[in-house]
Amino acid sequence: MLVATLLTWNAYYSNSHPGAAKISGSVFFILFPPSIGLMTTESASKPEQIMIIVLLVIGNGGIYWLISFLVRRLRGLAEEP
């Protein structure tokens, strides 16, 4: 969740500060598919931007939780005799 939060913050900051360094968009789309929702923050008010970012962080965390859950489940099944 920390990585997702930091990348989301970086995307928001680089969008609102044109001179700031930007991370390639493909990094977000590969690692954090819900991050495409950041495009909706361009015309949103500050409270709406905060809500969108919170939802994206939760969505990104949920994806990795699900992947972790499935991997642990499969490893548990593979270790049984």
PDB file of N, CA and C in Angstrom:
ATOM      1  N   MET A   1       0.824  -1.192   0.000  1.00  0.00           N
ATOM      2  CA  MET A   1       0.000   0.000   0.000  1.00  0.00           C
ATOM      3  C   MET A   1       0.870   1.260   0.000  1.00  0.00           C
ATOM      4  N   LEU A   2       2.008   1.174   0.648  1.00  0.00           N
ATOM      5  CA  LEU A   2       2.878   2.342   0.698  1.00  0.00           C
ATOM      6  C   LEU A   2       3.378   2.717  -0.700  1.00  0.00           C
ATOM      7  N   VAL A   3       3.789   1.719  -1.473  1.00  0.00           N
ATOM      8  CA  VAL A   3       4.276   1.995  -2.831  1.00  0.00           C
ATOM      9  C   VAL A   3       3.156   2.594  -3.675  1.00  0.00           C
ATOM     10  N   ALA A   4       1.967   2.021  -3.571  1.00  0.00           N
ATOM     11  CA  ALA A   4       0.827   2.552  -4.329  1.00  0.00           C
ATOM     12  C   ALA A   4       0.532   3.986  -3.925  1.00  0.00           C
ATOM     13  N   THR A   5       0.589   4.265  -2.636  1.00  0.00           N
ATOM     14  CA  THR A   5       0.331   5.619  -2.149  1.00  0.00           C
ATOM     15  C   THR A   5       1.383   6.589  -2.679  1.00  0.00           C
ATOM     16  N   LEU A   6       2.641   6.200  -2.618  1.00  0.00           N
ATOM     17  CA  LEU A   6       3.709   7.085  -3.087  1.00  0.00           C
ATOM     18  C   LEU A   6       3.627   7.329  -4.593  1.00  0.00           C
ATOM     19  N   LEU A   7       3.348   6.291  -5.363  1.00  0.00           N
ATOM     20  CA  LEU A   7       3.231   6.480  -6.809  1.00  0.00           C
ATOM     21  C   LEU A   7       2.008   7.324  -7.163  1.00  0.00           C
ATOM     22  N   THR A   8       0.931   7.134  -6.425  1.00  0.00           N
ATOM     23  CA  THR A   8      -0.266   7.948  -6.656  1.00  0.00           C
ATOM     24  C   THR A   8       0.025   9.403  -6.323  1.00  0.00           C
ATOM     25  N   TRP A   9       0.701   9.644  -5.208  1.00  0.00           N
ATOM     26  CA  TRP A   9       1.060  11.012  -4.830  1.00  0.00           C
ATOM     27  C   TRP A   9       1.962  11.622  -5.904  1.00  0.00           C
ATOM     28  N   ASN A  10       2.940  10.844  -6.389  1.00  0.00           N
ATOM     29  CA  ASN A  10       3.836  11.353  -7.419  1.00  0.00           C
ATOM     30  C   ASN A  10       3.077  11.716  -8.690  1.00  0.00           C
ATOM     31  N   ALA A  11       2.135  10.881  -9.086  1.00  0.00           N
ATOM     32  CA  ALA A  11       1.341  11.167 -10.287  1.00  0.00           C
ATOM     33  C   ALA A  11       0.519  12.443 -10.098  1.00  0.00           C
ATOM     34  N   TYR A  12      -0.097  12.578  -8.941  1.00  0.00           N
ATOM     35  CA  TYR A  12      -0.886  13.785  -8.664  1.00  0.00           C
ATOM     36  C   TYR A  12       0.014  15.020  -8.673  1.00  0.00           C
ATOM     37  N   TYR A  13       1.155  14.934  -7.989  1.00  0.00           N
ATOM     38  CA  TYR A  13       2.068  16.074  -7.900  1.00  0.00           C
ATOM     39  C   TYR A  13       2.607  16.459  -9.273  1.00  0.00           C
ATOM     40  N   SER A  14       3.010  15.449 -10.066  1.00  0.00           N
ATOM     41  CA  SER A  14       3.564  15.774 -11.378  1.00  0.00           C
ATOM     42  C   SER A  14       2.506  16.336 -12.323  1.00  0.00           C
ATOM     43  N   ASN A  15       1.228  15.970 -12.112  1.00  0.00           N
ATOM     44  CA  ASN A  15       0.157  16.550 -12.925  1.00  0.00           C
ATOM     45  C   ASN A  15      -0.113  17.997 -12.548  1.00  0.00           C
ATOM     46  N   SER A  16       0.004  18.309 -11.266  1.00  0.00           N
ATOM     47  CA  SER A  16      -0.297  19.669 -10.834  1.00  0.00           C
ATOM     48  C   SER A  16       0.920  20.596 -10.909  1.00  0.00           C
ATOM     49  N   HIS A  17       2.115  20.031 -11.105  1.00  0.00           N
ATOM     50  CA  HIS A  17       3.342  20.813 -11.246  1.00  0.00           C
ATOM     51  C   HIS A  17       4.037  20.370 -12.539  1.00  0.00           C
ATOM     52  N   PRO A  18       3.775  21.070 -13.647  1.00  0.00           N
ATOM     53  CA  PRO A  18       4.282  20.643 -14.957  1.00  0.00           C
ATOM     54  C   PRO A  18       5.803  20.463 -15.039  1.00  0.00           C
ATOM     55  N   GLY A  19       6.570  21.171 -14.233  1.00  0.00           N
ATOM     56  CA  GLY A  19       8.027  21.073 -14.293  1.00  0.00           C
ATOM     57  C   GLY A  19       8.593  19.901 -13.508  1.00  0.00           C
ATOM     58  N   ALA A  20       7.767  19.195 -12.744  1.00  0.00           N
ATOM     59  CA  ALA A  20       8.249  18.094 -11.908  1.00  0.00           C
ATOM     60  C   ALA A  20       8.567  16.868 -12.752  1.00  0.00           C
ATOM     61  N   ALA A  21       9.504  16.064 -12.252  1.00  0.00           N
ATOM     62  CA  ALA A  21       9.859  14.818 -12.947  1.00  0.00           C
ATOM     63  C   ALA A  21       8.662  13.873 -12.950  1.00  0.00           C
ATOM     64  N   LYS A  22       8.511  13.145 -14.050  1.00  0.00           N
ATOM     65  CA  LYS A  22       7.364  12.239 -14.180  1.00  0.00           C
ATOM     66  C   LYS A  22       7.834  10.796 -14.338  1.00  0.00           C
ATOM     67  N   ILE A  23       7.075   9.889 -13.737  1.00  0.00           N
ATOM     68  CA  ILE A  23       7.314   8.462 -13.914  1.00  0.00           C
ATOM     69  C   ILE A  23       6.512   8.031 -15.135  1.00  0.00           C
ATOM     70  N   SER A  24       7.073   7.140 -15.927  1.00  0.00           N
ATOM     71  CA  SER A  24       6.394   6.671 -17.134  1.00  0.00           C
ATOM     72  C   SER A  24       5.014   6.112 -16.795  1.00  0.00           C
ATOM     73  N   GLY A  25       4.036   6.450 -17.606  1.00  0.00           N
ATOM     74  CA  GLY A  25       2.674   5.976 -17.387  1.00  0.00           C
ATOM     75  C   GLY A  25       2.545   4.468 -17.449  1.00  0.00           C
ATOM     76  N   SER A  26       3.429   3.815 -18.219  1.00  0.00           N
ATOM     77  CA  SER A  26       3.345   2.354 -18.317  1.00  0.00           C
ATOM     78  C   SER A  26       3.627   1.679 -16.986  1.00  0.00           C
ATOM     79  N   VAL A  27       4.421   2.306 -16.122  1.00  0.00           N
ATOM     80  CA  VAL A  27       4.679   1.748 -14.789  1.00  0.00           C
ATOM     81  C   VAL A  27       3.368   1.641 -14.024  1.00  0.00           C
ATOM     82  N   PHE A  28       2.555   2.667 -14.092  1.00  0.00           N
ATOM     83  CA  PHE A  28       1.269   2.657 -13.390  1.00  0.00           C
ATOM     84  C   PHE A  28       0.315   1.621 -13.980  1.00  0.00           C
ATOM     85  N   PHE A  29       0.258   1.560 -15.293  1.00  0.00           N
ATOM     86  CA  PHE A  29      -0.701   0.657 -15.929  1.00  0.00           C
ATOM     87  C   PHE A  29      -0.339  -0.806 -15.723  1.00  0.00           C
ATOM     88  N   ILE A  30       0.946  -1.106 -15.634  1.00  0.00           N
ATOM     89  CA  ILE A  30       1.375  -2.490 -15.424  1.00  0.00           C
ATOM     90  C   ILE A  30       1.249  -2.879 -13.953  1.00  0.00           C
ATOM     91  N   LEU A  31       1.769  -2.051 -13.070  1.00  0.00           N
ATOM     92  CA  LEU A  31       1.778  -2.397 -11.644  1.00  0.00           C
ATOM     93  C   LEU A  31       0.474  -2.062 -10.922  1.00  0.00           C
ATOM     94  N   PHE A  32      -0.192  -1.004 -11.350  1.00  0.00           N
ATOM     95  CA  PHE A  32      -1.368  -0.520 -10.632  1.00  0.00           C
ATOM     96  C   PHE A  32      -2.472  -0.127 -11.609  1.00  0.00           C
ATOM     97  N   PRO A  33      -3.176  -1.099 -12.174  1.00  0.00           N
ATOM     98  CA  PRO A  33      -4.204  -0.796 -13.183  1.00  0.00           C
ATOM     99  C   PRO A  33      -5.256   0.237 -12.752  1.00  0.00           C
ATOM    100  N   PRO A  34      -5.723   0.259 -11.500  1.00  0.00           N
ATOM    101  CA  PRO A  34      -6.715   1.282 -11.139  1.00  0.00           C
ATOM    102  C   PRO A  34      -6.191   2.715 -11.242  1.00  0.00           C
ATOM    103  N   SER A  35      -4.872   2.875 -11.336  1.00  0.00           N
ATOM    104  CA  SER A  35      -4.302   4.225 -11.384  1.00  0.00           C
ATOM    105  C   SER A  35      -4.721   5.007 -12.613  1.00  0.00           C
ATOM    106  N   ILE A  36      -5.296   4.344 -13.596  1.00  0.00           N
ATOM    107  CA  ILE A  36      -5.805   5.069 -14.753  1.00  0.00           C
ATOM    108  C   ILE A  36      -6.885   6.063 -14.317  1.00  0.00           C
ATOM    109  N   GLY A  37      -7.486   5.817 -13.169  1.00  0.00           N
ATOM    110  CA  GLY A  37      -8.493   6.718 -12.620  1.00  0.00           C
ATOM    111  C   GLY A  37      -7.948   8.087 -12.261  1.00  0.00           C
ATOM    112  N   LEU A  38      -6.620   8.230 -12.213  1.00  0.00           N
ATOM    113  CA  LEU A  38      -6.043   9.543 -11.922  1.00  0.00           C
ATOM    114  C   LEU A  38      -6.387  10.566 -12.991  1.00  0.00           C
ATOM    115  N   MET A  39      -6.727  10.103 -14.174  1.00  0.00           N
ATOM    116  CA  MET A  39      -7.104  11.040 -15.234  1.00  0.00           C
ATOM    117  C   MET A  39      -8.353  11.817 -14.848  1.00  0.00           C
ATOM    118  N   THR A  40      -9.179  11.250 -14.003  1.00  0.00           N
ATOM    119  CA  THR A  40     -10.398  11.945 -13.596  1.00  0.00           C
ATOM    120  C   THR A  40     -10.126  13.081 -12.616  1.00  0.00           C
ATOM    121  N   THR A  41      -8.920  13.146 -12.056  1.00  0.00           N
ATOM    122  CA  THR A  41      -8.622  14.207 -11.097  1.00  0.00           C
ATOM    123  C   THR A  41      -8.327  15.542 -11.765  1.00  0.00           C
ATOM    124  N   GLU A  42      -8.141  15.531 -13.070  1.00  0.00           N
ATOM    125  CA  GLU A  42      -7.780  16.772 -13.758  1.00  0.00           C
ATOM    126  C   GLU A  42      -8.851  17.851 -13.649  1.00  0.00           C
ATOM    127  N   SER A  43     -10.110  17.454 -13.675  1.00  0.00           N
ATOM    128  CA  SER A  43     -11.180  18.448 -13.607  1.00  0.00           C
ATOM    129  C   SER A  43     -11.958  18.368 -12.288  1.00  0.00           C
ATOM    130  N   ALA A  44     -11.412  17.654 -11.325  1.00  0.00           N
ATOM    131  CA  ALA A  44     -12.108  17.481 -10.047  1.00  0.00           C
ATOM    132  C   ALA A  44     -11.688  18.564  -9.049  1.00  0.00           C
ATOM    133  N   SER A  45     -12.571  18.827  -8.093  1.00  0.00           N
ATOM    134  CA  SER A  45     -12.234  19.767  -7.021  1.00  0.00           C
ATOM    135  C   SER A  45     -11.270  19.073  -6.054  1.00  0.00           C
ATOM    136  N   LYS A  46     -10.703  19.813  -5.121  1.00  0.00           N
ATOM    137  CA  LYS A  46      -9.750  19.243  -4.152  1.00  0.00           C
ATOM    138  C   LYS A  46     -10.370  18.099  -3.344  1.00  0.00           C
ATOM    139  N   PRO A  47     -11.573  18.266  -2.777  1.00  0.00           N
ATOM    140  CA  PRO A  47     -12.168  17.144  -2.039  1.00  0.00           C
ATOM    141  C   PRO A  47     -12.415  15.920  -2.924  1.00  0.00           C
ATOM    142  N   GLU A  48     -12.825  16.154  -4.156  1.00  0.00           N
ATOM    143  CA  GLU A  48     -13.038  15.042  -5.087  1.00  0.00           C
ATOM    144  C   GLU A  48     -11.717  14.362  -5.426  1.00  0.00           C
ATOM    145  N   GLN A  49     -10.650  15.144  -5.582  1.00  0.00           N
ATOM    146  CA  GLN A  49      -9.338  14.569  -5.855  1.00  0.00           C
ATOM    147  C   GLN A  49      -8.897  13.662  -4.710  1.00  0.00           C
ATOM    148  N   ILE A  50      -9.109  14.116  -3.491  1.00  0.00           N
ATOM    149  CA  ILE A  50      -8.739  13.313  -2.322  1.00  0.00           C
ATOM    150  C   ILE A  50      -9.524  12.013  -2.302  1.00  0.00           C
ATOM    151  N   MET A  51     -10.818  12.082  -2.565  1.00  0.00           N
ATOM    152  CA  MET A  51     -11.641  10.870  -2.570  1.00  0.00           C
ATOM    153  C   MET A  51     -11.195   9.911  -3.670  1.00  0.00           C
ATOM    154  N   ILE A  52     -10.887  10.425  -4.839  1.00  0.00           N
ATOM    155  CA  ILE A  52     -10.443   9.583  -5.949  1.00  0.00           C
ATOM    156  C   ILE A  52      -9.136   8.893  -5.591  1.00  0.00           C
ATOM    157  N   ILE A  53      -8.207   9.637  -5.023  1.00  0.00           N
ATOM    158  CA  ILE A  53      -6.914   9.056  -4.655  1.00  0.00           C
ATOM    159  C   ILE A  53      -7.079   7.994  -3.572  1.00  0.00           C
ATOM    160  N   VAL A  54      -7.914   8.244  -2.588  1.00  0.00           N
ATOM    161  CA  VAL A  54      -8.164   7.240  -1.546  1.00  0.00           C
ATOM    162  C   VAL A  54      -8.742   5.966  -2.162  1.00  0.00           C
ATOM    163  N   LEU A  55      -9.693   6.101  -3.061  1.00  0.00           N
ATOM    164  CA  LEU A  55     -10.286   4.934  -3.716  1.00  0.00           C
ATOM    165  C   LEU A  55      -9.260   4.183  -4.558  1.00  0.00           C
ATOM    166  N   LEU A  56      -8.378   4.905  -5.229  1.00  0.00           N
ATOM    167  CA  LEU A  56      -7.344   4.255  -6.030  1.00  0.00           C
ATOM    168  C   LEU A  56      -6.348   3.503  -5.156  1.00  0.00           C
ATOM    169  N   VAL A  57      -5.967   4.093  -4.044  1.00  0.00           N
ATOM    170  CA  VAL A  57      -5.048   3.414  -3.130  1.00  0.00           C
ATOM    171  C   VAL A  57      -5.691   2.131  -2.603  1.00  0.00           C
ATOM    172  N   ILE A  58      -6.958   2.197  -2.243  1.00  0.00           N
ATOM    173  CA  ILE A  58      -7.671   1.010  -1.772  1.00  0.00           C
ATOM    174  C   ILE A  58      -7.772  -0.032  -2.888  1.00  0.00           C
ATOM    175  N   GLY A  59      -8.086   0.408  -4.105  1.00  0.00           N
ATOM    176  CA  GLY A  59      -8.182  -0.512  -5.239  1.00  0.00           C
ATOM    177  C   GLY A  59      -6.857  -1.193  -5.553  1.00  0.00           C
ATOM    178  N   ASN A  60      -5.782  -0.408  -5.561  1.00  0.00           N
ATOM    179  CA  ASN A  60      -4.464  -0.982  -5.812  1.00  0.00           C
ATOM    180  C   ASN A  60      -4.068  -1.949  -4.705  1.00  0.00           C
ATOM    181  N   GLY A  61      -4.317  -1.584  -3.473  1.00  0.00           N
ATOM    182  CA  GLY A  61      -4.020  -2.476  -2.345  1.00  0.00           C
ATOM    183  C   GLY A  61      -4.840  -3.744  -2.424  1.00  0.00           C
ATOM    184  N   GLY A  62      -6.092  -3.626  -2.834  1.00  0.00           N
ATOM    185  CA  GLY A  62      -6.970  -4.786  -2.958  1.00  0.00           C
ATOM    186  C   GLY A  62      -6.480  -5.767  -4.005  1.00  0.00           C
ATOM    187  N   ILE A  63      -5.967  -5.250  -5.106  1.00  0.00           N
ATOM    188  CA  ILE A  63      -5.437  -6.132  -6.156  1.00  0.00           C
ATOM    189  C   ILE A  63      -4.260  -6.932  -5.620  1.00  0.00           C
ATOM    190  N   TYR A  64      -3.333  -6.255  -4.944  1.00  0.00           N
ATOM    191  CA  TYR A  64      -2.177  -6.964  -4.425  1.00  0.00           C
ATOM    192  C   TYR A  64      -2.533  -7.873  -3.256  1.00  0.00           C
ATOM    193  N   TRP A  65      -3.534  -7.525  -2.490  1.00  0.00           N
ATOM    194  CA  TRP A  65      -4.006  -8.430  -1.444  1.00  0.00           C
ATOM    195  C   TRP A  65      -4.544  -9.706  -2.085  1.00  0.00           C
ATOM    196  N   LEU A  66      -5.335  -9.559  -3.136  1.00  0.00           N
ATOM    197  CA  LEU A  66      -5.906 -10.726  -3.812  1.00  0.00           C
ATOM    198  C   LEU A  66      -4.811 -11.603  -4.419  1.00  0.00           C
ATOM    199  N   ILE A  67      -3.831 -10.998  -5.060  1.00  0.00           N
ATOM    200  CA  ILE A  67      -2.720 -11.764  -5.623  1.00  0.00           C
ATOM    201  C   ILE A  67      -1.975 -12.503  -4.519  1.00  0.00           C
ATOM    202  N   SER A  68      -1.687 -11.818  -3.433  1.00  0.00           N
ATOM    203  CA  SER A  68      -0.999 -12.444  -2.306  1.00  0.00           C
ATOM    204  C   SER A  68      -1.822 -13.592  -1.730  1.00  0.00           C
ATOM    205  N   PHE A  69      -3.109 -13.384  -1.567  1.00  0.00           N
ATOM    206  CA  PHE A  69      -4.002 -14.414  -1.037  1.00  0.00           C
ATOM    207  C   PHE A  69      -3.980 -15.655  -1.934  1.00  0.00           C
ATOM    208  N   LEU A  70      -4.087 -15.445  -3.244  1.00  0.00           N
ATOM    209  CA  LEU A  70      -4.103 -16.568  -4.177  1.00  0.00           C
ATOM    210  C   LEU A  70      -2.768 -17.314  -4.193  1.00  0.00           C
ATOM    211  N   VAL A  71      -1.666 -16.589  -4.170  1.00  0.00           N
ATOM    212  CA  VAL A  71      -0.348 -17.231  -4.154  1.00  0.00           C
ATOM    213  C   VAL A  71      -0.170 -18.038  -2.873  1.00  0.00           C
ATOM    214  N   ARG A  72      -0.554 -17.471  -1.741  1.00  0.00           N
ATOM    215  CA  ARG A  72      -0.428 -18.201  -0.480  1.00  0.00           C
ATOM    216  C   ARG A  72      -1.315 -19.436  -0.476  1.00  0.00           C
ATOM    217  N   ARG A  73      -2.489 -19.300  -1.044  1.00  0.00           N
ATOM    218  CA  ARG A  73      -3.423 -20.428  -1.122  1.00  0.00           C
ATOM    219  C   ARG A  73      -2.849 -21.540  -1.989  1.00  0.00           C
ATOM    220  N   LEU A  74      -2.305 -21.174  -3.149  1.00  0.00           N
ATOM    221  CA  LEU A  74      -1.720 -22.163  -4.051  1.00  0.00           C
ATOM    222  C   LEU A  74      -0.482 -22.814  -3.451  1.00  0.00           C
ATOM    223  N   ARG A  75       0.333 -22.032  -2.763  1.00  0.00           N
ATOM    224  CA  ARG A  75       1.513 -22.596  -2.100  1.00  0.00           C
ATOM    225  C   ARG A  75       1.096 -23.560  -1.000  1.00  0.00           C
ATOM    226  N   GLY A  76       0.052 -23.230  -0.297  1.00  0.00           N
ATOM    227  CA  GLY A  76      -0.447 -24.104   0.757  1.00  0.00           C
ATOM    228  C   GLY A  76      -0.943 -25.425   0.198  1.00  0.00           C
ATOM    229  N   LEU A  77      -1.597 -25.364  -0.953  1.00  0.00           N
ATOM    230  CA  LEU A  77      -2.085 -26.591  -1.594  1.00  0.00           C
ATOM    231  C   LEU A  77      -0.933 -27.402  -2.162  1.00  0.00           C
ATOM    232  N   ALA A  78       0.080 -26.733  -2.678  1.00  0.00           N
ATOM    233  CA  ALA A  78       1.220 -27.436  -3.272  1.00  0.00           C
ATOM    234  C   ALA A  78       2.074 -28.124  -2.208  1.00  0.00           C
ATOM    235  N   GLU A  79       2.096 -27.602  -0.996  1.00  0.00           N
ATOM    236  CA  GLU A  79       2.936 -28.177   0.063  1.00  0.00           C
ATOM    237  C   GLU A  79       2.292 -29.383   0.720  1.00  0.00           C
ATOM    238  N   GLU A  80       0.997 -29.575   0.546  1.00  0.00           N
ATOM    239  CA  GLU A  80       0.354 -30.723   1.154  1.00  0.00           C
ATOM    240  C   GLU A  80       0.785 -31.996   0.431  1.00  0.00           C
ATOM    241  N   PRO A  81       0.991 -33.127   1.179  1.00  0.00           N
ATOM    242  CA  PRO A  81       1.414 -34.374   0.560  1.00  0.00           C
ATOM    243  C   PRO A  81       0.324 -35.028  -0.246  1.00  0.00           C
TER     244      PRO A  81
END
